Protein backbone atom coordinates (compact mmCIF):
# COMPACT_ATOMS: atom_id res chain seq x y z
CA MET A 1 7.80 -22.93 -17.65
CA LYS A 2 4.61 -21.40 -19.51
CA SER A 3 3.47 -18.11 -17.80
CA GLN A 4 0.63 -15.86 -18.95
CA ALA A 5 0.52 -11.91 -17.95
CA VAL A 6 -2.88 -10.23 -17.68
CA TYR A 7 -2.75 -6.44 -16.56
CA VAL A 8 -4.62 -3.18 -15.90
CA THR A 9 -3.70 0.45 -15.97
CA SER A 10 -5.57 3.15 -14.14
CA ASN A 11 -4.85 6.43 -13.28
CA LEU A 12 -6.93 6.55 -10.16
CA ILE A 13 -4.92 4.11 -7.76
CA GLY A 14 -1.35 4.63 -6.50
CA LYS A 15 1.71 2.31 -5.87
CA LYS A 16 1.05 2.43 -2.21
CA ASP A 17 -2.21 1.52 -2.58
CA VAL A 18 -2.20 -1.31 -4.23
CA TRP A 19 1.01 -2.44 -2.31
CA GLU A 20 -0.74 -2.29 0.74
CA LEU A 21 -3.74 -4.38 -0.35
CA ILE A 22 -1.64 -7.03 -2.37
CA THR A 23 0.80 -7.74 0.73
CA ASN A 24 -1.47 -8.25 3.17
CA ILE A 25 -1.40 -11.96 2.90
CA ASP A 26 -3.83 -12.28 5.82
CA HIS A 27 -6.68 -10.37 3.84
CA TRP A 28 -6.34 -12.01 0.85
CA SER A 29 -9.89 -13.27 0.79
CA GLU A 30 -11.41 -9.87 1.19
CA TRP A 31 -10.55 -9.19 -2.57
CA ASP A 32 -9.76 -12.54 -3.97
CA PHE A 33 -13.08 -14.31 -4.44
CA ASN A 34 -11.41 -17.72 -5.16
CA ILE A 35 -9.30 -17.61 -2.01
CA GLU A 36 -11.53 -18.65 1.19
CA TYR A 37 -8.79 -17.92 3.85
CA SER A 38 -5.01 -17.05 3.81
CA GLU A 39 -2.41 -16.70 6.61
CA CYS A 40 0.63 -15.66 6.83
CA ILE A 41 2.72 -17.99 9.26
CA LYS A 42 6.01 -16.57 9.42
CA ASN A 43 6.39 -12.83 8.21
CA LYS A 44 9.53 -10.85 7.78
CA THR A 45 9.25 -7.98 5.75
CA GLY A 46 11.47 -7.49 3.07
CA GLN A 47 12.22 -11.32 2.98
CA VAL A 48 11.16 -14.39 2.77
CA SER A 49 7.58 -15.00 4.09
CA LEU A 50 5.80 -18.31 4.71
CA PHE A 51 1.77 -18.27 4.08
CA LYS A 52 -0.86 -20.60 3.53
CA VAL A 53 -3.95 -20.37 1.58
CA LYS A 54 -6.99 -22.30 0.95
CA HIS A 55 -8.85 -22.38 -2.25
CA ARG A 56 -12.47 -21.41 -2.54
CA ILE A 57 -13.68 -23.80 -5.64
CA PHE A 58 -10.88 -26.51 -5.33
CA PHE A 59 -11.08 -26.70 -1.48
CA MET A 60 -7.32 -27.38 -1.22
CA THR A 61 -4.98 -25.85 0.94
CA GLY A 62 -1.43 -25.13 0.11
CA ARG A 63 1.54 -23.48 1.31
CA GLY A 64 3.42 -20.77 0.07
CA ILE A 65 6.70 -18.47 0.14
CA VAL A 66 7.46 -15.07 -0.81
CA GLU A 67 10.29 -15.10 -2.93
CA GLU A 68 10.56 -11.75 -4.02
CA PHE A 69 9.79 -8.45 -2.13
CA ARG A 70 10.71 -5.41 -4.09
CA PRO A 71 8.41 -2.57 -1.91
CA TYR A 72 5.84 -0.67 -4.66
CA GLU A 73 7.51 -2.73 -7.70
CA ARG A 74 7.41 -6.37 -7.46
CA PHE A 75 6.18 -9.35 -5.10
CA THR A 76 6.43 -13.08 -6.24
CA LEU A 77 4.98 -15.88 -4.74
CA ARG A 78 5.64 -19.51 -4.61
CA ILE A 79 2.70 -22.20 -4.11
CA GLY A 80 3.67 -25.90 -3.67
CA LEU A 81 1.62 -28.40 -5.01
CA ALA A 82 2.28 -32.14 -5.63
CA GLY A 83 4.60 -32.44 -8.27
CA ALA A 84 4.69 -28.65 -9.21
CA ARG A 85 5.06 -25.30 -8.14
CA LEU A 86 2.57 -22.34 -8.98
CA TYR A 87 3.83 -18.93 -8.96
CA ARG A 88 2.55 -15.68 -9.15
CA LYS A 89 4.31 -12.27 -9.66
CA TYR A 90 2.91 -8.73 -9.30
CA VAL A 91 4.95 -5.83 -11.09
CA MET A 92 3.46 -2.16 -10.67
CA GLU A 93 4.91 0.02 -13.44
CA ASP A 94 4.25 3.65 -13.47
CA THR A 95 3.21 4.38 -17.17
CA LYS A 96 2.08 7.74 -18.86
CA GLU A 97 -1.37 6.27 -18.73
CA GLY A 98 -1.01 5.62 -15.08
CA LEU A 99 -0.14 2.79 -12.67
CA LYS A 100 0.28 -0.54 -14.67
CA VAL A 101 -0.39 -3.66 -12.40
CA THR A 102 0.64 -6.61 -14.20
CA ILE A 103 -0.20 -10.10 -12.57
CA ILE A 104 2.01 -13.19 -14.05
CA THR A 105 0.92 -16.91 -13.42
CA SER A 106 3.04 -19.79 -14.04
CA VAL A 107 3.37 -23.01 -13.10
CA SER A 108 6.35 -25.41 -13.78
CA GLY A 109 7.49 -29.34 -12.46
CA PHE A 110 6.71 -32.80 -13.66
CA LEU A 111 3.04 -32.49 -12.93
CA ALA A 112 2.56 -28.61 -14.39
CA TRP A 113 0.75 -30.13 -17.29
CA LEU A 114 -2.20 -31.96 -14.39
CA TRP A 115 -2.40 -28.59 -12.08
CA ASN A 116 -2.48 -26.26 -15.29
CA PHE A 117 -5.51 -28.00 -16.40
CA LEU A 118 -6.93 -28.84 -12.83
CA VAL A 119 -6.68 -25.25 -11.15
CA VAL A 120 -4.36 -22.68 -13.24
CA LYS A 121 -6.62 -22.34 -16.21
CA ARG A 122 -9.69 -21.35 -13.56
CA ILE A 123 -6.93 -19.02 -11.89
CA LEU A 124 -6.14 -17.34 -15.44
CA ARG A 125 -9.97 -17.30 -15.99
CA ASP A 126 -10.03 -15.40 -13.40
CA THR A 127 -7.43 -13.12 -12.95
CA PRO A 128 -9.04 -10.27 -14.99
CA GLU A 129 -11.55 -10.08 -12.73
CA ASP A 130 -9.22 -10.16 -9.80
CA LEU A 131 -7.57 -7.21 -11.28
CA THR A 132 -10.51 -5.25 -11.29
CA ILE A 133 -11.19 -6.39 -7.67
CA ILE A 134 -7.79 -4.82 -7.10
CA VAL A 135 -8.46 -1.46 -8.63
CA GLU A 136 -11.47 -0.98 -6.95
CA GLN A 137 -10.56 -1.93 -3.64
CA ALA A 138 -7.10 0.07 -3.97
CA LYS A 139 -9.30 3.49 -4.94
CA LYS A 140 -11.84 2.77 -2.04
CA ASN A 141 -8.84 2.20 0.58
CA ARG A 142 -7.16 5.37 -0.61
CA HIS A 143 -10.30 7.53 -0.56
CA GLU A 144 -11.50 6.22 3.06
CA LYS A 145 -8.25 7.45 4.22
CA TYR A 146 -9.06 11.16 3.42
CA ILE A 147 -12.27 10.83 5.44
CA THR A 148 -12.55 12.03 8.84
CA PHE A 149 -15.03 12.24 11.14
């Protein structure tokens, strides 16, 4: 299984803001422009969650499972594909430069090469922009919490 990691570091966001954004499965389409819709089917906080997601470009719907859920640290999901599994891991680390958010993407299975060619290359190409949007949305959400009328 070949993995590719992309990360961004920012001192303008906090773990809580990023965590709330990436773990809110029902609202992924608001910040990930490749997702047409996503829906949490079975939610168990701190445990395995089942979800459904539809890709905007490839018009495919996949079912997934949250495999790892370490609050404010890591969030790993797996999406089942025919003959393969797509993994997406979000990792948050505090550094001297600020919060480092890393997205690690990999695909495994006997048809991994096909899914890598058809889908994963596009996902990896868009990951840096996803990270930029995550930072901007987390900043916006953090700022909106302090605005009172």
